[in-house]
Amino acid sequence: MNISIRPEAESDFRDVENVTREAFWDLYKPGCVEHLVLHHMRGSPDFVKEMDYVACDGNMIVGNIVFKSKSDQ
């Protein structure tokens, strides 16, 4: 395994959401919502794009990390 980390590109969104869904599916309860949370986070004004990364094994995305700043609300 040769893991590299790079910024997430818009073209990665679907793959990252699929990886997230597969990671959490039926883990804590039937189904999952984590991939939807990620999808909606990207549209939030608090989403920090500069801290949005994917981990890749070759060309395959195997993980990601995102950051949302604290909202005043």
PDB file of N, CA and C in Angstrom:
ATOM      1  N   MET A   1       0.847  -1.174   0.000  1.00  0.00           N
ATOM      2  CA  MET A   1       0.000   0.000   0.000  1.00  0.00           C
ATOM      3  C   MET A   1       0.894   1.239   0.000  1.00  0.00           C
ATOM      4  N   ASN A   2       0.593   2.169  -0.906  1.00  0.00           N
ATOM      5  CA  ASN A   2       1.352   3.414  -1.019  1.00  0.00           C
ATOM      6  C   ASN A   2       0.368   4.575  -0.897  1.00  0.00           C
ATOM      7  N   ILE A   3       0.186   5.085   0.315  1.00  0.00           N
ATOM      8  CA  ILE A   3      -0.809   6.122   0.582  1.00  0.00           C
ATOM      9  C   ILE A   3      -0.225   7.507   0.323  1.00  0.00           C
ATOM     10  N   SER A   4      -0.984   8.310  -0.419  1.00  0.00           N
ATOM     11  CA  SER A   4      -0.639   9.716  -0.617  1.00  0.00           C
ATOM     12  C   SER A   4      -1.827  10.560  -0.168  1.00  0.00           C
ATOM     13  N   ILE A   5      -1.560  11.778   0.217  1.00  0.00           N
ATOM     14  CA  ILE A   5      -2.601  12.704   0.651  1.00  0.00           C
ATOM     15  C   ILE A   5      -2.538  13.929  -0.244  1.00  0.00           C
ATOM     16  N   ARG A   6      -3.720  14.342  -0.723  1.00  0.00           N
ATOM     17  CA  ARG A   6      -3.776  15.504  -1.602  1.00  0.00           C
ATOM     18  C   ARG A   6      -5.093  16.245  -1.358  1.00  0.00           C
ATOM     19  N   PRO A   7      -5.178  17.503  -1.794  1.00  0.00           N
ATOM     20  CA  PRO A   7      -6.447  18.227  -1.673  1.00  0.00           C
ATOM     21  C   PRO A   7      -7.536  17.529  -2.491  1.00  0.00           C
ATOM     22  N   GLU A   8      -8.742  17.564  -1.981  1.00  0.00           N
ATOM     23  CA  GLU A   8      -9.877  16.988  -2.697  1.00  0.00           C
ATOM     24  C   GLU A   8     -10.256  17.895  -3.869  1.00  0.00           C
ATOM     25  N   ALA A   9     -10.503  17.296  -5.011  1.00  0.00           N
ATOM     26  CA  ALA A   9     -10.991  18.024  -6.190  1.00  0.00           C
ATOM     27  C   ALA A   9     -12.491  17.794  -6.310  1.00  0.00           C
ATOM     28  N   GLU A  10     -13.164  18.705  -6.985  1.00  0.00           N
ATOM     29  CA  GLU A  10     -14.605  18.555  -7.173  1.00  0.00           C
ATOM     30  C   GLU A  10     -14.930  17.229  -7.869  1.00  0.00           C
ATOM     31  N   SER A  11     -14.067  16.783  -8.733  1.00  0.00           N
ATOM     32  CA  SER A  11     -14.287  15.511  -9.433  1.00  0.00           C
ATOM     33  C   SER A  11     -14.201  14.304  -8.482  1.00  0.00           C
ATOM     34  N   ASP A  12     -13.708  14.507  -7.261  1.00  0.00           N
ATOM     35  CA  ASP A  12     -13.608  13.438  -6.264  1.00  0.00           C
ATOM     36  C   ASP A  12     -14.871  13.288  -5.424  1.00  0.00           C
ATOM     37  N   PHE A  13     -15.759  14.273  -5.461  1.00  0.00           N
ATOM     38  CA  PHE A  13     -16.891  14.319  -4.537  1.00  0.00           C
ATOM     39  C   PHE A  13     -17.673  13.011  -4.495  1.00  0.00           C
ATOM     40  N   ARG A  14     -18.042  12.494  -5.639  1.00  0.00           N
ATOM     41  CA  ARG A  14     -18.864  11.271  -5.669  1.00  0.00           C
ATOM     42  C   ARG A  14     -18.112  10.085  -5.051  1.00  0.00           C
ATOM     43  N   ASP A  15     -16.842   9.918  -5.420  1.00  0.00           N
ATOM     44  CA  ASP A  15     -16.058   8.810  -4.870  1.00  0.00           C
ATOM     45  C   ASP A  15     -15.887   8.941  -3.359  1.00  0.00           C
ATOM     46  N   VAL A  16     -15.641  10.153  -2.889  1.00  0.00           N
ATOM     47  CA  VAL A  16     -15.464  10.378  -1.445  1.00  0.00           C
ATOM     48  C   VAL A  16     -16.763  10.072  -0.699  1.00  0.00           C
ATOM     49  N   GLU A  17     -17.885  10.505  -1.242  1.00  0.00           N
ATOM     50  CA  GLU A  17     -19.166  10.201  -0.601  1.00  0.00           C
ATOM     51  C   GLU A  17     -19.436   8.698  -0.601  1.00  0.00           C
ATOM     52  N   ASN A  18     -19.057   8.000  -1.659  1.00  0.00           N
ATOM     53  CA  ASN A  18     -19.221   6.540  -1.707  1.00  0.00           C
ATOM     54  C   ASN A  18     -18.338   5.852  -0.665  1.00  0.00           C
ATOM     55  N   VAL A  19     -17.092   6.287  -0.540  1.00  0.00           N
ATOM     56  CA  VAL A  19     -16.189   5.716   0.467  1.00  0.00           C
ATOM     57  C   VAL A  19     -16.759   5.958   1.868  1.00  0.00           C
ATOM     58  N   THR A  20     -17.257   7.158   2.105  1.00  0.00           N
ATOM     59  CA  THR A  20     -17.834   7.500   3.413  1.00  0.00           C
ATOM     60  C   THR A  20     -19.058   6.639   3.691  1.00  0.00           C
ATOM     61  N   ARG A  21     -19.932   6.495   2.713  1.00  0.00           N
ATOM     62  CA  ARG A  21     -21.134   5.667   2.896  1.00  0.00           C
ATOM     63  C   ARG A  21     -20.752   4.225   3.200  1.00  0.00           C
ATOM     64  N   GLU A  22     -19.818   3.685   2.450  1.00  0.00           N
ATOM     65  CA  GLU A  22     -19.408   2.293   2.674  1.00  0.00           C
ATOM     66  C   GLU A  22     -18.773   2.105   4.051  1.00  0.00           C
ATOM     67  N   ALA A  23     -18.047   3.109   4.515  1.00  0.00           N
ATOM     68  CA  ALA A  23     -17.379   3.006   5.814  1.00  0.00           C
ATOM     69  C   ALA A  23     -18.377   2.981   6.971  1.00  0.00           C
ATOM     70  N   PHE A  24     -19.493   3.679   6.821  1.00  0.00           N
ATOM     71  CA  PHE A  24     -20.437   3.817   7.932  1.00  0.00           C
ATOM     72  C   PHE A  24     -21.726   3.025   7.763  1.00  0.00           C
ATOM     73  N   TRP A  25     -21.946   2.392   6.615  1.00  0.00           N
ATOM     74  CA  TRP A  25     -23.204   1.696   6.354  1.00  0.00           C
ATOM     75  C   TRP A  25     -23.448   0.605   7.396  1.00  0.00           C
ATOM     76  N   ASP A  26     -24.576   0.696   8.067  1.00  0.00           N
ATOM     77  CA  ASP A  26     -25.008  -0.268   9.092  1.00  0.00           C
ATOM     78  C   ASP A  26     -24.031  -0.399  10.261  1.00  0.00           C
ATOM     79  N   LEU A  27     -23.158   0.564  10.461  1.00  0.00           N
ATOM     80  CA  LEU A  27     -22.179   0.471  11.543  1.00  0.00           C
ATOM     81  C   LEU A  27     -22.815   0.732  12.903  1.00  0.00           C
ATOM     82  N   TYR A  28     -23.558   1.811  13.038  1.00  0.00           N
ATOM     83  CA  TYR A  28     -24.161   2.188  14.318  1.00  0.00           C
ATOM     84  C   TYR A  28     -25.665   1.978  14.326  1.00  0.00           C
ATOM     85  N   LYS A  29     -26.265   1.949  13.151  1.00  0.00           N
ATOM     86  CA  LYS A  29     -27.706   1.746  12.991  1.00  0.00           C
ATOM     87  C   LYS A  29     -27.927   1.343  11.536  1.00  0.00           C
ATOM     88  N   PRO A  30     -29.116   0.874  11.190  1.00  0.00           N
ATOM     89  CA  PRO A  30     -29.359   0.517   9.785  1.00  0.00           C
ATOM     90  C   PRO A  30     -29.147   1.727   8.866  1.00  0.00           C
ATOM     91  N   GLY A  31     -28.419   1.503   7.772  1.00  0.00           N
ATOM     92  CA  GLY A  31     -28.119   2.586   6.838  1.00  0.00           C
ATOM     93  C   GLY A  31     -27.082   3.529   7.409  1.00  0.00           C
ATOM     94  N   CYS A  32     -27.037   4.757   6.905  1.00  0.00           N
ATOM     95  CA  CYS A  32     -26.152   5.786   7.440  1.00  0.00           C
ATOM     96  C   CYS A  32     -26.509   7.135   6.832  1.00  0.00           C
ATOM     97  N   VAL A  33     -26.018   8.188   7.449  1.00  0.00           N
ATOM     98  CA  VAL A  33     -26.248   9.545   6.940  1.00  0.00           C
ATOM     99  C   VAL A  33     -24.943  10.324   6.782  1.00  0.00           C
ATOM    100  N   GLU A  34     -23.838   9.725   7.159  1.00  0.00           N
ATOM    101  CA  GLU A  34     -22.562  10.428   7.155  1.00  0.00           C
ATOM    102  C   GLU A  34     -22.186  10.974   5.774  1.00  0.00           C
ATOM    103  N   HIS A  35     -22.470  10.228   4.728  1.00  0.00           N
ATOM    104  CA  HIS A  35     -22.165  10.703   3.376  1.00  0.00           C
ATOM    105  C   HIS A  35     -23.027  11.907   3.009  1.00  0.00           C
ATOM    106  N   LEU A  36     -24.252  11.974   3.531  1.00  0.00           N
ATOM    107  CA  LEU A  36     -25.115  13.134   3.276  1.00  0.00           C
ATOM    108  C   LEU A  36     -24.643  14.349   4.070  1.00  0.00           C
ATOM    109  N   VAL A  37     -24.172  14.114   5.283  1.00  0.00           N
ATOM    110  CA  VAL A  37     -23.606  15.206   6.085  1.00  0.00           C
ATOM    111  C   VAL A  37     -22.431  15.811   5.331  1.00  0.00           C
ATOM    112  N   LEU A  38     -21.560  14.968   4.802  1.00  0.00           N
ATOM    113  CA  LEU A  38     -20.418  15.438   4.019  1.00  0.00           C
ATOM    114  C   LEU A  38     -20.882  16.242   2.804  1.00  0.00           C
ATOM    115  N   HIS A  39     -21.877  15.727   2.099  1.00  0.00           N
ATOM    116  CA  HIS A  39     -22.411  16.407   0.913  1.00  0.00           C
ATOM    117  C   HIS A  39     -22.911  17.813   1.272  1.00  0.00           C
ATOM    118  N   HIS A  40     -23.635  17.926   2.375  1.00  0.00           N
ATOM    119  CA  HIS A  40     -24.173  19.228   2.788  1.00  0.00           C
ATOM    120  C   HIS A  40     -23.104  20.143   3.380  1.00  0.00           C
ATOM    121  N   MET A  41     -22.098  19.567   4.018  1.00  0.00           N
ATOM    122  CA  MET A  41     -21.005  20.386   4.566  1.00  0.00           C
ATOM    123  C   MET A  41     -20.328  21.219   3.489  1.00  0.00           C
ATOM    124  N   ARG A  42     -20.134  20.623   2.329  1.00  0.00           N
ATOM    125  CA  ARG A  42     -19.438  21.326   1.244  1.00  0.00           C
ATOM    126  C   ARG A  42     -20.168  22.594   0.815  1.00  0.00           C
ATOM    127  N   GLY A  43     -21.474  22.654   1.017  1.00  0.00           N
ATOM    128  CA  GLY A  43     -22.253  23.831   0.655  1.00  0.00           C
ATOM    129  C   GLY A  43     -22.375  24.852   1.773  1.00  0.00           C
ATOM    130  N   SER A  44     -21.823  24.535   2.924  1.00  0.00           N
ATOM    131  CA  SER A  44     -21.913  25.433   4.078  1.00  0.00           C
ATOM    132  C   SER A  44     -20.884  26.556   3.968  1.00  0.00           C
ATOM    133  N   PRO A  45     -21.255  27.778   4.380  1.00  0.00           N
ATOM    134  CA  PRO A  45     -20.278  28.868   4.380  1.00  0.00           C
ATOM    135  C   PRO A  45     -19.159  28.628   5.398  1.00  0.00           C
ATOM    136  N   ASP A  46     -19.373  27.716   6.334  1.00  0.00           N
ATOM    137  CA  ASP A  46     -18.363  27.405   7.347  1.00  0.00           C
ATOM    138  C   ASP A  46     -17.380  26.323   6.895  1.00  0.00           C
ATOM    139  N   PHE A  47     -17.619  25.734   5.740  1.00  0.00           N
ATOM    140  CA  PHE A  47     -16.742  24.696   5.205  1.00  0.00           C
ATOM    141  C   PHE A  47     -15.397  25.318   4.827  1.00  0.00           C
ATOM    142  N   VAL A  48     -14.301  24.690   5.255  1.00  0.00           N
ATOM    143  CA  VAL A  48     -12.959  25.203   4.976  1.00  0.00           C
ATOM    144  C   VAL A  48     -12.339  24.348   3.873  1.00  0.00           C
ATOM    145  N   LYS A  49     -12.462  24.823   2.635  1.00  0.00           N
ATOM    146  CA  LYS A  49     -11.988  24.073   1.469  1.00  0.00           C
ATOM    147  C   LYS A  49     -10.486  23.794   1.536  1.00  0.00           C
ATOM    148  N   GLU A  50      -9.733  24.714   2.118  1.00  0.00           N
ATOM    149  CA  GLU A  50      -8.276  24.554   2.198  1.00  0.00           C
ATOM    150  C   GLU A  50      -7.865  23.413   3.139  1.00  0.00           C
ATOM    151  N   MET A  51      -8.810  22.878   3.903  1.00  0.00           N
ATOM    152  CA  MET A  51      -8.518  21.772   4.812  1.00  0.00           C
ATOM    153  C   MET A  51      -9.327  20.531   4.441  1.00  0.00           C
ATOM    154  N   ASP A  52      -9.592  20.356   3.167  1.00  0.00           N
ATOM    155  CA  ASP A  52     -10.364  19.239   2.639  1.00  0.00           C
ATOM    156  C   ASP A  52      -9.412  18.351   1.840  1.00  0.00           C
ATOM    157  N   TYR A  53      -9.082  17.189   2.389  1.00  0.00           N
ATOM    158  CA  TYR A  53      -8.078  16.305   1.786  1.00  0.00           C
ATOM    159  C   TYR A  53      -8.609  14.902   1.584  1.00  0.00           C
ATOM    160  N   VAL A  54      -8.030  14.208   0.609  1.00  0.00           N
ATOM    161  CA  VAL A  54      -8.312  12.795   0.392  1.00  0.00           C
ATOM    162  C   VAL A  54      -7.021  12.001   0.551  1.00  0.00           C
ATOM    163  N   ALA A  55      -7.183  10.764   1.014  1.00  0.00           N
ATOM    164  CA  ALA A  55      -6.073   9.814   1.072  1.00  0.00           C
ATOM    165  C   ALA A  55      -6.270   8.836  -0.076  1.00  0.00           C
ATOM    166  N   CYS A  56      -5.218   8.599  -0.829  1.00  0.00           N
ATOM    167  CA  CYS A  56      -5.297   7.725  -2.001  1.00  0.00           C
ATOM    168  C   CYS A  56      -4.265   6.612  -1.899  1.00  0.00           C
ATOM    169  N   ASP A  57      -4.680   5.439  -2.356  1.00  0.00           N
ATOM    170  CA  ASP A  57      -3.761   4.322  -2.555  1.00  0.00           C
ATOM    171  C   ASP A  57      -3.658   4.180  -4.070  1.00  0.00           C
ATOM    172  N   GLY A  58      -2.600   4.714  -4.635  1.00  0.00           N
ATOM    173  CA  GLY A  58      -2.521   4.813  -6.095  1.00  0.00           C
ATOM    174  C   GLY A  58      -3.546   5.830  -6.562  1.00  0.00           C
ATOM    175  N   ASN A  59      -4.438   5.411  -7.443  1.00  0.00           N
ATOM    176  CA  ASN A  59      -5.496   6.292  -7.936  1.00  0.00           C
ATOM    177  C   ASN A  59      -6.817   6.108  -7.195  1.00  0.00           C
ATOM    178  N   MET A  60      -6.859   5.185  -6.222  1.00  0.00           N
ATOM    179  CA  MET A  60      -8.106   4.894  -5.511  1.00  0.00           C
ATOM    180  C   MET A  60      -8.196   5.715  -4.218  1.00  0.00           C
ATOM    181  N   ILE A  61      -9.298   6.417  -4.049  1.00  0.00           N
ATOM    182  CA  ILE A  61      -9.534   7.171  -2.816  1.00  0.00           C
ATOM    183  C   ILE A  61      -9.915   6.184  -1.729  1.00  0.00           C
ATOM    184  N   VAL A  62      -9.191   6.236  -0.610  1.00  0.00           N
ATOM    185  CA  VAL A  62      -9.438   5.304   0.489  1.00  0.00           C
ATOM    186  C   VAL A  62      -9.845   6.019   1.773  1.00  0.00           C
ATOM    187  N   GLY A  63      -9.843   7.343   1.766  1.00  0.00           N
ATOM    188  CA  GLY A  63     -10.253   8.089   2.947  1.00  0.00           C
ATOM    189  C   GLY A  63     -10.263   9.575   2.671  1.00  0.00           C
ATOM    190  N   ASN A  64     -10.799  10.316   3.627  1.00  0.00           N
ATOM    191  CA  ASN A  64     -10.805  11.772   3.501  1.00  0.00           C
ATOM    192  C   ASN A  64     -10.927  12.417   4.872  1.00  0.00           C
ATOM    193  N   ILE A  65     -10.601  13.691   4.906  1.00  0.00           N
ATOM    194  CA  ILE A  65     -10.793  14.487   6.108  1.00  0.00           C
ATOM    195  C   ILE A  65     -11.266  15.865   5.657  1.00  0.00           C
ATOM    196  N   VAL A  66     -12.241  16.387   6.390  1.00  0.00           N
ATOM    197  CA  VAL A  66     -12.807  17.702   6.077  1.00  0.00           C
ATOM    198  C   VAL A  66     -12.855  18.520   7.360  1.00  0.00           C
ATOM    199  N   PHE A  67     -13.019  19.816   7.208  1.00  0.00           N
ATOM    200  CA  PHE A  67     -13.047  20.702   8.366  1.00  0.00           C
ATOM    201  C   PHE A  67     -14.120  21.759   8.154  1.00  0.00           C
ATOM    202  N   LYS A  68     -14.867  22.000   9.188  1.00  0.00           N
ATOM    203  CA  LYS A  68     -15.889  23.044   9.190  1.00  0.00           C
ATOM    204  C   LYS A  68     -15.571  23.938  10.370  1.00  0.00           C
ATOM    205  N   SER A  69     -15.462  25.238  10.125  1.00  0.00           N
ATOM    206  CA  SER A  69     -15.167  26.161  11.222  1.00  0.00           C
ATOM    207  C   SER A  69     -16.375  26.285  12.127  1.00  0.00           C
ATOM    208  N   LYS A  70     -16.142  26.705  13.323  1.00  0.00           N
ATOM    209  CA  LYS A  70     -17.210  26.869  14.285  1.00  0.00           C
ATOM    210  C   LYS A  70     -18.123  28.004  13.858  1.00  0.00           C
ATOM    211  N   SER A  71     -19.398  27.722  13.840  1.00  0.00           N
ATOM    212  CA  SER A  71     -20.386  28.726  13.469  1.00  0.00           C
ATOM    213  C   SER A  71     -20.747  29.534  14.709  1.00  0.00           C
ATOM    214  N   ASP A  72     -21.103  30.800  14.507  1.00  0.00           N
ATOM    215  CA  ASP A  72     -21.522  31.646  15.623  1.00  0.00           C
ATOM    216  C   ASP A  72     -22.947  31.332  16.069  1.00  0.00           C
ATOM    217  N   GLN A  73     -23.640  30.520  15.321  1.00  0.00           N
ATOM    218  CA  GLN A  73     -25.033  30.217  15.642  1.00  0.00           C
ATOM    219  C   GLN A  73     -25.137  29.117  16.651  1.00  0.00           C
TER     220      GLN A  73
END
